[in-house]
């Protein structure tokens, strides 16, 4: 359970940092990531919408860390998001649109996060189905 909670908090911190920097300073963050050529100013609108989703998932990961079984929807949706993130990242690197230097964390972190969340799934998966046996009433 400690590994799961630690993973959720770590993912939450990643989401919080990314959300904060893309919301507060989108152009500077894109520059820091060496994204060239500079994007048109309207891209900041997309960065702001992306940033708010990062912040929403930071909240979700911190919430799930408190009670993973109760908040498993946050966890399973984060696994899906990390998978799509990784596939998109590798696709853009393979096409030559991005370099590994630009996306180092995005090429590694999703795989690590998915592995940790998948390895700890016993702590948040659906409970075992009810038995087919009829319930017995206590003797009176």
C-alpha atoms as a PDB file:
ATOM      1  CA  UNK A   1       0.000   0.000   0.000  1.00  0.00           C
ATOM      2  CA  UNK A   2       2.909   2.381   0.706  1.00  0.00           C
ATOM      3  CA  UNK A   3       4.209   1.886  -2.847  1.00  0.00           C
ATOM      4  CA  UNK A   4       0.781   2.693  -4.281  1.00  0.00           C
ATOM      5  CA  UNK A   5       0.306   5.800  -2.160  1.00  0.00           C
ATOM      6  CA  UNK A   6       3.855   6.939  -2.864  1.00  0.00           C
ATOM      7  CA  UNK A   7       3.301   6.455  -6.595  1.00  0.00           C
ATOM      8  CA  UNK A   8       0.030   8.388  -6.520  1.00  0.00           C
ATOM      9  CA  UNK A   9       1.641  11.255  -4.632  1.00  0.00           C
ATOM     10  CA  UNK A  10       4.624  11.273  -7.020  1.00  0.00           C
ATOM     11  CA  UNK A  11       2.322  11.365 -10.051  1.00  0.00           C
ATOM     12  CA  UNK A  12       0.309  14.097  -8.334  1.00  0.00           C
ATOM     13  CA  UNK A  13       3.449  16.177  -7.829  1.00  0.00           C
ATOM     14  CA  UNK A  14       4.402  15.759 -11.513  1.00  0.00           C
ATOM     15  CA  UNK A  15       0.899  16.862 -12.514  1.00  0.00           C
ATOM     16  CA  UNK A  16       0.942  19.794 -10.091  1.00  0.00           C
ATOM     17  CA  UNK A  17       4.312  21.075 -11.322  1.00  0.00           C
ATOM     18  CA  UNK A  18       3.431  20.701 -15.001  1.00  0.00           C
ATOM     19  CA  UNK A  19       0.041  22.314 -14.491  1.00  0.00           C
ATOM     20  CA  UNK A  20       1.497  25.218 -12.566  1.00  0.00           C
ATOM     21  CA  UNK A  21       4.313  26.033 -14.982  1.00  0.00           C
ATOM     22  CA  UNK A  22       2.193  25.675 -18.128  1.00  0.00           C
ATOM     23  CA  UNK A  23      -0.535  27.852 -16.611  1.00  0.00           C
ATOM     24  CA  UNK A  24       1.742  30.503 -15.104  1.00  0.00           C
ATOM     25  CA  UNK A  25       4.305  30.760 -17.906  1.00  0.00           C
ATOM     26  CA  UNK A  26       3.324  28.778 -20.997  1.00  0.00           C
ATOM     27  CA  UNK A  27       5.754  30.359 -23.468  1.00  0.00           C
ATOM     28  CA  UNK A  28       8.671  30.174 -21.029  1.00  0.00           C
ATOM     29  CA  UNK A  29       7.878  26.522 -20.281  1.00  0.00           C
ATOM     30  CA  UNK A  30       7.774  25.644 -23.984  1.00  0.00           C
ATOM     31  CA  UNK A  31      11.107  27.451 -24.384  1.00  0.00           C
ATOM     32  CA  UNK A  32      12.555  25.577 -21.394  1.00  0.00           C
ATOM     33  CA  UNK A  33      11.530  22.303 -23.058  1.00  0.00           C
ATOM     34  CA  UNK A  34      13.369  23.504 -26.171  1.00  0.00           C
ATOM     35  CA  UNK A  35      10.230  23.314 -28.311  1.00  0.00           C
ATOM     36  CA  UNK A  36      11.167  25.030 -31.566  1.00  0.00           C
ATOM     37  CA  UNK A  37      10.160  27.003 -33.487  1.00  0.00           C
ATOM     38  CA  UNK A  38       8.262  29.149 -30.992  1.00  0.00           C
ATOM     39  CA  UNK A  39       4.553  28.468 -31.113  1.00  0.00           C
ATOM     40  CA  UNK A  40       2.008  31.030 -32.216  1.00  0.00           C
ATOM     41  CA  UNK A  41       0.610  33.074 -29.302  1.00  0.00           C
ATOM     42  CA  UNK A  42      -2.739  31.270 -29.516  1.00  0.00           C
ATOM     43  CA  UNK A  43      -0.958  28.068 -28.383  1.00  0.00           C
ATOM     44  CA  UNK A  44      -0.935  29.556 -24.880  1.00  0.00           C
ATOM     45  CA  UNK A  45      -4.702  29.031 -24.864  1.00  0.00           C
ATOM     46  CA  UNK A  46      -4.165  25.292 -25.467  1.00  0.00           C
ATOM     47  CA  UNK A  47      -1.394  25.228 -22.859  1.00  0.00           C
ATOM     48  CA  UNK A  48      -3.770  26.829 -20.335  1.00  0.00           C
ATOM     49  CA  UNK A  49      -6.464  24.231 -21.009  1.00  0.00           C
ATOM     50  CA  UNK A  50      -3.872  21.449 -20.759  1.00  0.00           C
ATOM     51  CA  UNK A  51      -2.505  22.962 -17.533  1.00  0.00           C
ATOM     52  CA  UNK A  52      -5.898  22.961 -15.848  1.00  0.00           C
ATOM     53  CA  UNK A  53      -6.278  19.268 -16.666  1.00  0.00           C
ATOM     54  CA  UNK A  54      -2.856  18.597 -15.154  1.00  0.00           C
ATOM     55  CA  UNK A  55      -3.995  20.408 -12.011  1.00  0.00           C
ATOM     56  CA  UNK A  56      -7.256  18.446 -11.958  1.00  0.00           C
ATOM     57  CA  UNK A  57      -5.383  15.173 -12.135  1.00  0.00           C
ATOM     58  CA  UNK A  58      -2.974  16.334  -9.420  1.00  0.00           C
ATOM     59  CA  UNK A  59      -6.049  16.759  -7.213  1.00  0.00           C
ATOM     60  CA  UNK A  60      -7.282  13.325  -8.278  1.00  0.00           C
ATOM     61  CA  UNK A  61      -3.984  11.614  -7.495  1.00  0.00           C
ATOM     62  CA  UNK A  62      -3.759  13.252  -4.061  1.00  0.00           C
ATOM     63  CA  UNK A  63      -7.380  12.258  -3.392  1.00  0.00           C
ATOM     64  CA  UNK A  64      -6.761   8.677  -4.526  1.00  0.00           C
ATOM     65  CA  UNK A  65      -3.671   8.433  -2.320  1.00  0.00           C
ATOM     66  CA  UNK A  66      -5.893   8.876   0.750  1.00  0.00           C
ATOM     67  CA  UNK A  67      -8.179   5.935  -0.125  1.00  0.00           C
ATOM     68  CA  UNK A  68      -7.135   4.113  -3.318  1.00  0.00           C
ATOM     69  CA  UNK A  69      -9.945   1.536  -3.313  1.00  0.00           C
ATOM     70  CA  UNK A  70     -12.583   4.244  -3.036  1.00  0.00           C
ATOM     71  CA  UNK A  71     -11.018   6.369  -5.784  1.00  0.00           C
ATOM     72  CA  UNK A  72      -9.915   3.692  -8.252  1.00  0.00           C
ATOM     73  CA  UNK A  73     -11.493   5.561 -11.189  1.00  0.00           C
ATOM     74  CA  UNK A  74      -8.812   8.238 -10.795  1.00  0.00           C
ATOM     75  CA  UNK A  75      -6.132   5.549 -10.833  1.00  0.00           C
ATOM     76  CA  UNK A  76      -7.405   3.594 -13.813  1.00  0.00           C
ATOM     77  CA  UNK A  77      -7.954   6.755 -15.845  1.00  0.00           C
ATOM     78  CA  UNK A  78      -4.400   7.862 -15.025  1.00  0.00           C
ATOM     79  CA  UNK A  79      -3.075   4.542 -16.335  1.00  0.00           C
ATOM     80  CA  UNK A  80      -4.913   5.211 -19.608  1.00  0.00           C
ATOM     81  CA  UNK A  81      -3.615   8.796 -19.764  1.00  0.00           C
ATOM     82  CA  UNK A  82      -0.042   7.684 -19.137  1.00  0.00           C
ATOM     83  CA  UNK A  83      -0.335   5.045 -21.867  1.00  0.00           C
ATOM     84  CA  UNK A  84      -1.611   7.585 -24.399  1.00  0.00           C
ATOM     85  CA  UNK A  85       1.064  10.081 -23.306  1.00  0.00           C
ATOM     86  CA  UNK A  86       3.783   7.504 -23.862  1.00  0.00           C
ATOM     87  CA  UNK A  87       2.448   6.356 -27.249  1.00  0.00           C
ATOM     88  CA  UNK A  88       2.127   9.957 -28.445  1.00  0.00           C
ATOM     89  CA  UNK A  89       5.606  10.831 -27.202  1.00  0.00           C
ATOM     90  CA  UNK A  90       7.238   7.850 -28.883  1.00  0.00           C
ATOM     91  CA  UNK A  91       5.261   8.547 -32.064  1.00  0.00           C
ATOM     92  CA  UNK A  92       6.484  12.137 -32.256  1.00  0.00           C
ATOM     93  CA  UNK A  93      10.066  11.065 -31.523  1.00  0.00           C
ATOM     94  CA  UNK A  94       9.879   8.327 -34.168  1.00  0.00           C
ATOM     95  CA  UNK A  95       8.540  10.833 -36.711  1.00  0.00           C
ATOM     96  CA  UNK A  96      11.445  13.172 -35.954  1.00  0.00           C
ATOM     97  CA  UNK A  97       9.211  15.987 -34.670  1.00  0.00           C
ATOM     98  CA  UNK A  98      10.726  15.780 -31.165  1.00  0.00           C
ATOM     99  CA  UNK A  99      14.048  14.553 -29.832  1.00  0.00           C
ATOM    100  CA  UNK A 100      14.644  12.326 -26.816  1.00  0.00           C
ATOM    101  CA  UNK A 101      16.471  15.281 -25.249  1.00  0.00           C
ATOM    102  CA  UNK A 102      13.237  17.283 -25.376  1.00  0.00           C
ATOM    103  CA  UNK A 103      11.029  14.535 -23.983  1.00  0.00           C
ATOM    104  CA  UNK A 104      13.286  12.529 -21.661  1.00  0.00           C
ATOM    105  CA  UNK A 105      10.854  12.471 -18.711  1.00  0.00           C
ATOM    106  CA  UNK A 106       7.839  11.955 -20.995  1.00  0.00           C
ATOM    107  CA  UNK A 107       9.548   8.936 -22.558  1.00  0.00           C
ATOM    108  CA  UNK A 108      10.372   7.305 -19.211  1.00  0.00           C
ATOM    109  CA  UNK A 109       7.931   8.452 -16.497  1.00  0.00           C
ATOM    110  CA  UNK A 110       4.726   7.028 -18.053  1.00  0.00           C
ATOM    111  CA  UNK A 111       6.212   3.534 -18.259  1.00  0.00           C
ATOM    112  CA  UNK A 112       7.378   3.708 -14.643  1.00  0.00           C
ATOM    113  CA  UNK A 113       4.037   5.104 -13.428  1.00  0.00           C
ATOM    114  CA  UNK A 114       2.021   2.469 -15.316  1.00  0.00           C
ATOM    115  CA  UNK A 115       4.256  -0.323 -13.976  1.00  0.00           C
ATOM    116  CA  UNK A 116       3.935   0.890 -10.377  1.00  0.00           C
ATOM    117  CA  UNK A 117       0.156   1.386 -10.607  1.00  0.00           C
ATOM    118  CA  UNK A 118      -0.315  -1.983 -12.303  1.00  0.00           C
ATOM    119  CA  UNK A 119       1.917  -3.776  -9.776  1.00  0.00           C
ATOM    120  CA  UNK A 120      -0.122  -2.398  -6.880  1.00  0.00           C
ATOM    121  CA  UNK A 121      -3.566  -2.942  -8.438  1.00  0.00           C
ATOM    122  CA  UNK A 122      -4.562  -5.452  -5.746  1.00  0.00           C
ATOM    123  CA  UNK A 123      -4.973  -2.503  -3.394  1.00  0.00           C
ATOM    124  CA  UNK A 124      -7.548  -0.701  -5.535  1.00  0.00           C
ATOM    125  CA  UNK A 125      -9.178  -3.213  -7.893  1.00  0.00           C
ATOM    126  CA  UNK A 126     -12.835  -4.155  -7.671  1.00  0.00           C
ATOM    127  CA  UNK A 127     -13.673  -6.333  -4.694  1.00  0.00           C
ATOM    128  CA  UNK A 128     -14.230 -10.030  -5.331  1.00  0.00           C
ATOM    129  CA  UNK A 129     -17.702 -10.801  -6.640  1.00  0.00           C
ATOM    130  CA  UNK A 130     -20.250 -11.996  -4.140  1.00  0.00           C
ATOM    131  CA  UNK A 131     -20.536 -15.720  -3.698  1.00  0.00           C
ATOM    132  CA  UNK A 132     -23.255 -17.617  -5.549  1.00  0.00           C
ATOM    133  CA  UNK A 133     -24.248 -19.168  -2.248  1.00  0.00           C
ATOM    134  CA  UNK A 134     -27.395 -17.753  -0.682  1.00  0.00           C
ATOM    135  CA  UNK A 135     -26.872 -15.684   2.432  1.00  0.00           C
ATOM    136  CA  UNK A 136     -27.545 -17.512   5.653  1.00  0.00           C
ATOM    137  CA  UNK A 137     -29.648 -15.797   8.238  1.00  0.00           C
ATOM    138  CA  UNK A 138     -28.414 -15.974  11.803  1.00  0.00           C
ATOM    139  CA  UNK A 139     -30.216 -18.498  13.978  1.00  0.00           C
ATOM    140  CA  UNK A 140     -32.636 -16.983  16.449  1.00  0.00           C
END
